[in-house]
Amino acid sequence: MIKFKQIAIMACTSAVLLYGSSLASSAYAAIDNDYPTVTIADYVFGCMASNGQTRQALEKCSCSIDIVASLLTYDQYVEAETIMRLRHVAGEKGTLFRTGAQVKKAFAKLKRAQAEAEIRCF
């Protein structure tokens, strides 16, 4: 019985054959960094909510998470995503996630990865 990850690898291999080597590095990044499927789906759904519910948006948003995954390990992504969500907490509790060098560095790294994805995919 073929496992889901094997199917994903086969799908990525097919995509590489269709779209060339530029897609190869980003498509395998998500698998290499072992981003869980639910995290990838959550990113794509959020991206599509911002960019339209079209097939074209699906392709661009899927490309975007692949680029992010090629630039950040899953642990780095989780840390930055958590910081991004908690920055909006009001008051003293939120201050912890808006200040400090390490917090700013993790947040900036995610923003740079997303900017790179924007350039390469959109």
N, C-alpha and C. Protein backbone atom coordinates (compact mmCIF):
# COMPACT_ATOMS: atom_id res chain seq x y z
N MET A 1 0.84 -1.18 0.00
CA MET A 1 0.00 0.00 0.00
C MET A 1 0.89 1.24 0.00
N ILE A 2 0.64 2.15 -0.92
CA ILE A 2 1.45 3.34 -1.05
C ILE A 2 1.03 4.36 0.01
N LYS A 3 2.01 4.90 0.70
CA LYS A 3 1.73 5.89 1.73
C LYS A 3 1.56 7.27 1.10
N PHE A 4 0.91 8.18 1.83
CA PHE A 4 0.65 9.53 1.34
C PHE A 4 1.93 10.25 0.96
N LYS A 5 2.98 10.15 1.78
CA LYS A 5 4.23 10.85 1.50
C LYS A 5 4.85 10.36 0.19
N GLN A 6 4.72 9.06 -0.09
CA GLN A 6 5.23 8.52 -1.35
C GLN A 6 4.45 9.10 -2.53
N ILE A 7 3.14 9.25 -2.36
CA ILE A 7 2.32 9.85 -3.41
C ILE A 7 2.74 11.30 -3.63
N ALA A 8 2.99 12.00 -2.54
CA ALA A 8 3.41 13.40 -2.64
C ALA A 8 4.74 13.51 -3.37
N ILE A 9 5.65 12.60 -3.08
CA ILE A 9 6.96 12.61 -3.76
C ILE A 9 6.77 12.32 -5.24
N MET A 10 5.90 11.36 -5.58
CA MET A 10 5.65 11.07 -6.99
C MET A 10 5.01 12.27 -7.68
N ALA A 11 4.11 12.94 -7.00
CA ALA A 11 3.46 14.12 -7.58
C ALA A 11 4.48 15.23 -7.82
N CYS A 12 5.39 15.40 -6.86
CA CYS A 12 6.43 16.41 -7.02
C CYS A 12 7.36 16.06 -8.18
N THR A 13 7.67 14.78 -8.31
CA THR A 13 8.51 14.34 -9.42
C THR A 13 7.84 14.65 -10.75
N SER A 14 6.55 14.40 -10.85
CA SER A 14 5.81 14.72 -12.07
C SER A 14 5.83 16.22 -12.34
N ALA A 15 5.67 17.00 -11.28
CA ALA A 15 5.68 18.46 -11.44
C ALA A 15 7.04 18.94 -11.94
N VAL A 16 8.10 18.32 -11.45
CA VAL A 16 9.44 18.68 -11.89
C VAL A 16 9.59 18.43 -13.38
N LEU A 17 9.10 17.30 -13.84
CA LEU A 17 9.18 16.98 -15.26
C LEU A 17 8.39 17.98 -16.10
N LEU A 18 7.27 18.44 -15.55
CA LEU A 18 6.42 19.37 -16.29
C LEU A 18 6.93 20.81 -16.25
N TYR A 19 7.39 21.24 -15.10
CA TYR A 19 7.67 22.65 -14.92
C TYR A 19 9.16 22.99 -14.82
N GLY A 20 10.03 22.02 -14.82
CA GLY A 20 11.46 22.29 -14.87
C GLY A 20 12.11 22.39 -13.51
N SER A 21 13.39 22.70 -13.55
CA SER A 21 14.21 22.65 -12.35
C SER A 21 13.91 23.75 -11.35
N SER A 22 13.38 24.90 -11.77
CA SER A 22 13.09 25.96 -10.81
C SER A 22 12.02 25.52 -9.82
N LEU A 23 11.07 24.74 -10.28
CA LEU A 23 10.05 24.21 -9.39
C LEU A 23 10.62 23.09 -8.52
N ALA A 24 11.60 22.39 -9.03
CA ALA A 24 12.15 21.24 -8.31
C ALA A 24 12.68 21.64 -6.95
N SER A 25 13.47 22.70 -6.90
CA SER A 25 14.05 23.08 -5.61
C SER A 25 12.99 23.47 -4.61
N SER A 26 11.94 24.16 -5.04
CA SER A 26 10.90 24.57 -4.11
C SER A 26 9.95 23.43 -3.76
N ALA A 27 9.62 22.57 -4.71
CA ALA A 27 8.68 21.49 -4.45
C ALA A 27 9.24 20.49 -3.46
N TYR A 28 10.51 20.17 -3.60
CA TYR A 28 11.11 19.23 -2.67
C TYR A 28 11.39 19.86 -1.32
N ALA A 29 11.45 21.17 -1.24
CA ALA A 29 11.74 21.84 0.02
C ALA A 29 10.69 21.51 1.07
N ALA A 30 9.43 21.54 0.68
CA ALA A 30 8.37 21.25 1.64
C ALA A 30 8.49 19.83 2.17
N ILE A 31 8.90 18.90 1.32
CA ILE A 31 9.07 17.51 1.75
C ILE A 31 10.33 17.38 2.60
N ASP A 32 11.43 17.99 2.16
CA ASP A 32 12.69 17.91 2.91
C ASP A 32 12.56 18.51 4.30
N ASN A 33 11.84 19.61 4.43
CA ASN A 33 11.68 20.25 5.72
C ASN A 33 10.56 19.64 6.53
N ASP A 34 9.87 18.69 5.93
CA ASP A 34 8.86 17.91 6.63
C ASP A 34 7.73 18.77 7.21
N TYR A 35 7.27 19.73 6.44
CA TYR A 35 6.11 20.51 6.85
C TYR A 35 4.90 19.58 6.85
N PRO A 36 4.13 19.54 7.93
CA PRO A 36 2.94 18.69 7.94
C PRO A 36 1.91 19.17 6.90
N THR A 37 1.18 18.25 6.37
CA THR A 37 0.18 18.56 5.35
C THR A 37 -0.81 19.61 5.85
N VAL A 38 -1.22 19.53 7.10
CA VAL A 38 -2.18 20.49 7.64
C VAL A 38 -1.59 21.90 7.66
N THR A 39 -0.32 22.04 7.90
CA THR A 39 0.34 23.35 7.89
C THR A 39 0.38 23.91 6.48
N ILE A 40 0.71 23.05 5.52
CA ILE A 40 0.73 23.47 4.12
C ILE A 40 -0.67 23.89 3.69
N ALA A 41 -1.67 23.09 4.01
CA ALA A 41 -3.05 23.39 3.64
C ALA A 41 -3.52 24.69 4.29
N ASP A 42 -3.19 24.89 5.56
CA ASP A 42 -3.58 26.11 6.27
C ASP A 42 -2.97 27.34 5.60
N TYR A 43 -1.71 27.26 5.23
CA TYR A 43 -1.04 28.37 4.55
C TYR A 43 -1.73 28.66 3.21
N VAL A 44 -1.99 27.60 2.43
CA VAL A 44 -2.60 27.78 1.12
C VAL A 44 -4.02 28.34 1.25
N PHE A 45 -4.81 27.84 2.20
CA PHE A 45 -6.17 28.36 2.39
C PHE A 45 -6.13 29.84 2.76
N GLY A 46 -5.24 30.21 3.67
CA GLY A 46 -5.11 31.62 4.06
C GLY A 46 -4.67 32.49 2.91
N CYS A 47 -3.72 32.01 2.15
CA CYS A 47 -3.23 32.73 0.98
C CYS A 47 -4.34 32.91 -0.05
N MET A 48 -5.10 31.85 -0.29
CA MET A 48 -6.20 31.94 -1.26
C MET A 48 -7.30 32.87 -0.77
N ALA A 49 -7.52 32.93 0.51
CA ALA A 49 -8.52 33.86 1.04
C ALA A 49 -8.12 35.30 0.74
N SER A 50 -6.81 35.56 0.71
CA SER A 50 -6.31 36.90 0.43
C SER A 50 -6.19 37.19 -1.06
N ASN A 51 -6.06 36.14 -1.87
CA ASN A 51 -5.75 36.33 -3.29
C ASN A 51 -6.81 35.80 -4.25
N GLY A 52 -7.91 35.36 -3.71
CA GLY A 52 -8.99 34.86 -4.57
C GLY A 52 -9.08 33.35 -4.54
N GLN A 53 -10.26 32.86 -4.73
CA GLN A 53 -10.53 31.43 -4.67
C GLN A 53 -10.52 30.83 -6.08
N THR A 54 -9.42 31.03 -6.79
CA THR A 54 -9.31 30.56 -8.17
C THR A 54 -8.23 29.50 -8.29
N ARG A 55 -8.25 28.81 -9.39
CA ARG A 55 -7.22 27.81 -9.67
C ARG A 55 -5.84 28.47 -9.75
N GLN A 56 -5.80 29.65 -10.35
CA GLN A 56 -4.54 30.39 -10.46
C GLN A 56 -4.00 30.76 -9.08
N ALA A 57 -4.88 31.18 -8.19
CA ALA A 57 -4.47 31.51 -6.82
C ALA A 57 -3.96 30.25 -6.10
N LEU A 58 -4.62 29.12 -6.33
CA LEU A 58 -4.16 27.85 -5.74
C LEU A 58 -2.74 27.54 -6.17
N GLU A 59 -2.46 27.68 -7.44
CA GLU A 59 -1.11 27.39 -7.95
C GLU A 59 -0.08 28.35 -7.37
N LYS A 60 -0.43 29.64 -7.32
CA LYS A 60 0.51 30.63 -6.79
C LYS A 60 0.73 30.45 -5.29
N CYS A 61 -0.33 30.15 -4.56
CA CYS A 61 -0.20 29.95 -3.12
C CYS A 61 0.56 28.67 -2.79
N SER A 62 0.36 27.63 -3.58
CA SER A 62 1.12 26.39 -3.40
C SER A 62 2.60 26.63 -3.66
N CYS A 63 2.89 27.39 -4.69
CA CYS A 63 4.27 27.77 -4.98
C CYS A 63 4.85 28.55 -3.81
N SER A 64 4.06 29.46 -3.25
CA SER A 64 4.51 30.31 -2.17
C SER A 64 4.95 29.51 -0.95
N ILE A 65 4.16 28.54 -0.53
CA ILE A 65 4.55 27.74 0.65
C ILE A 65 5.78 26.90 0.34
N ASP A 66 5.93 26.47 -0.91
CA ASP A 66 7.13 25.72 -1.28
C ASP A 66 8.38 26.59 -1.15
N ILE A 67 8.27 27.85 -1.55
CA ILE A 67 9.40 28.77 -1.43
C ILE A 67 9.70 29.03 0.04
N VAL A 68 8.68 29.30 0.82
CA VAL A 68 8.88 29.52 2.26
C VAL A 68 9.55 28.30 2.89
N ALA A 69 9.09 27.11 2.52
CA ALA A 69 9.66 25.88 3.08
C ALA A 69 11.11 25.68 2.64
N SER A 70 11.47 26.20 1.49
CA SER A 70 12.86 26.07 1.03
C SER A 70 13.78 27.02 1.79
N LEU A 71 13.21 28.05 2.40
CA LEU A 71 14.01 29.06 3.10
C LEU A 71 13.99 28.92 4.62
N LEU A 72 12.95 28.29 5.15
CA LEU A 72 12.81 28.14 6.60
C LEU A 72 12.57 26.68 6.95
N THR A 73 13.21 26.21 7.99
CA THR A 73 12.86 24.89 8.49
C THR A 73 11.47 24.96 9.09
N TYR A 74 10.87 23.82 9.31
CA TYR A 74 9.53 23.82 9.89
C TYR A 74 9.53 24.47 11.27
N ASP A 75 10.54 24.18 12.07
CA ASP A 75 10.62 24.78 13.41
C ASP A 75 10.73 26.30 13.35
N GLN A 76 11.51 26.81 12.40
CA GLN A 76 11.63 28.26 12.24
C GLN A 76 10.29 28.86 11.81
N TYR A 77 9.59 28.15 10.93
CA TYR A 77 8.29 28.62 10.47
C TYR A 77 7.29 28.68 11.63
N VAL A 78 7.23 27.63 12.43
CA VAL A 78 6.30 27.59 13.57
C VAL A 78 6.61 28.72 14.54
N GLU A 79 7.88 28.93 14.84
CA GLU A 79 8.27 30.00 15.76
C GLU A 79 7.82 31.36 15.22
N ALA A 80 8.12 31.63 13.96
CA ALA A 80 7.78 32.92 13.37
C ALA A 80 6.26 33.10 13.24
N GLU A 81 5.57 32.06 12.85
CA GLU A 81 4.11 32.11 12.71
C GLU A 81 3.45 32.37 14.07
N THR A 82 3.96 31.75 15.11
CA THR A 82 3.45 31.97 16.46
C THR A 82 3.67 33.41 16.88
N ILE A 83 4.86 33.91 16.63
CA ILE A 83 5.17 35.31 16.96
C ILE A 83 4.24 36.24 16.20
N MET A 84 4.03 35.96 14.91
CA MET A 84 3.18 36.81 14.09
C MET A 84 1.76 36.86 14.64
N ARG A 85 1.24 35.73 15.06
CA ARG A 85 -0.12 35.68 15.60
C ARG A 85 -0.22 36.39 16.95
N LEU A 86 0.81 36.23 17.79
CA LEU A 86 0.76 36.78 19.14
C LEU A 86 1.14 38.26 19.19
N ARG A 87 1.69 38.80 18.13
CA ARG A 87 2.02 40.23 18.08
C ARG A 87 0.76 41.08 18.19
N HIS A 88 -0.38 40.52 17.84
CA HIS A 88 -1.63 41.28 17.83
C HIS A 88 -2.34 41.28 19.17
N VAL A 89 -1.81 40.55 20.15
CA VAL A 89 -2.39 40.54 21.49
C VAL A 89 -2.14 41.91 22.13
N ALA A 90 -3.17 42.51 22.64
CA ALA A 90 -3.06 43.85 23.21
C ALA A 90 -2.38 43.82 24.58
N GLY A 91 -1.83 44.95 24.94
CA GLY A 91 -1.29 45.13 26.28
C GLY A 91 0.07 44.52 26.51
N GLU A 92 0.34 44.30 27.78
CA GLU A 92 1.65 43.82 28.21
C GLU A 92 1.97 42.42 27.68
N LYS A 93 0.96 41.58 27.57
CA LYS A 93 1.17 40.22 27.07
C LYS A 93 1.68 40.24 25.63
N GLY A 94 1.15 41.11 24.81
CA GLY A 94 1.57 41.20 23.42
C GLY A 94 2.92 41.86 23.24
N THR A 95 3.31 42.71 24.19
CA THR A 95 4.58 43.41 24.12
C THR A 95 5.74 42.43 24.02
N LEU A 96 5.63 41.33 24.70
CA LEU A 96 6.65 40.30 24.69
C LEU A 96 6.95 39.83 23.27
N PHE A 97 5.93 39.82 22.41
CA PHE A 97 6.08 39.32 21.04
C PHE A 97 6.29 40.44 20.02
N ARG A 98 6.39 41.68 20.49
CA ARG A 98 6.67 42.80 19.59
C ARG A 98 8.06 43.37 19.82
N THR A 99 8.70 43.02 20.90
CA THR A 99 10.01 43.58 21.23
C THR A 99 11.02 42.45 21.41
N GLY A 100 12.25 42.83 21.48
CA GLY A 100 13.31 41.85 21.68
C GLY A 100 13.95 41.44 20.36
N ALA A 101 15.25 41.31 20.38
CA ALA A 101 16.02 41.03 19.17
C ALA A 101 15.67 39.68 18.55
N GLN A 102 15.55 38.65 19.37
CA GLN A 102 15.28 37.31 18.84
C GLN A 102 13.88 37.24 18.21
N VAL A 103 12.92 37.87 18.84
CA VAL A 103 11.55 37.89 18.32
C VAL A 103 11.51 38.63 16.99
N LYS A 104 12.16 39.78 16.94
CA LYS A 104 12.19 40.57 15.71
C LYS A 104 12.92 39.82 14.59
N LYS A 105 13.98 39.12 14.94
CA LYS A 105 14.76 38.37 13.95
C LYS A 105 13.93 37.24 13.34
N ALA A 106 13.22 36.49 14.17
CA ALA A 106 12.38 35.39 13.68
C ALA A 106 11.25 35.92 12.80
N PHE A 107 10.63 37.01 13.21
CA PHE A 107 9.55 37.62 12.45
C PHE A 107 10.07 38.14 11.11
N ALA A 108 11.22 38.79 11.13
CA ALA A 108 11.82 39.33 9.90
C ALA A 108 12.19 38.22 8.92
N LYS A 109 12.66 37.11 9.45
CA LYS A 109 13.03 35.98 8.58
C LYS A 109 11.81 35.43 7.84
N LEU A 110 10.68 35.32 8.54
CA LEU A 110 9.44 34.87 7.88
C LEU A 110 9.00 35.88 6.84
N LYS A 111 9.06 37.17 7.16
CA LYS A 111 8.65 38.20 6.22
C LYS A 111 9.54 38.19 4.97
N ARG A 112 10.85 37.96 5.14
CA ARG A 112 11.75 37.88 3.98
C ARG A 112 11.41 36.67 3.12
N ALA A 113 11.11 35.55 3.75
CA ALA A 113 10.74 34.34 3.01
C ALA A 113 9.44 34.56 2.25
N GLN A 114 8.48 35.22 2.86
CA GLN A 114 7.21 35.50 2.19
C GLN A 114 7.40 36.50 1.05
N ALA A 115 8.30 37.46 1.23
CA ALA A 115 8.58 38.42 0.16
C ALA A 115 9.23 37.72 -1.03
N GLU A 116 10.16 36.81 -0.74
CA GLU A 116 10.79 36.02 -1.82
C GLU A 116 9.75 35.19 -2.54
N ALA A 117 8.85 34.59 -1.80
CA ALA A 117 7.78 33.80 -2.41
C ALA A 117 6.88 34.68 -3.27
N GLU A 118 6.61 35.86 -2.81
CA GLU A 118 5.78 36.81 -3.57
C GLU A 118 6.44 37.13 -4.92
N ILE A 119 7.73 37.37 -4.88
CA ILE A 119 8.47 37.71 -6.10
C ILE A 119 8.50 36.53 -7.08
N ARG A 120 8.75 35.35 -6.55
CA ARG A 120 8.92 34.19 -7.41
C ARG A 120 7.62 33.53 -7.88
N CYS A 121 6.55 33.73 -7.13
CA CYS A 121 5.31 33.01 -7.45
C CYS A 121 4.18 33.89 -7.96
N PHE A 122 4.19 35.15 -7.62
CA PHE A 122 3.06 36.00 -7.99
C PHE A 122 3.50 36.99 -9.02
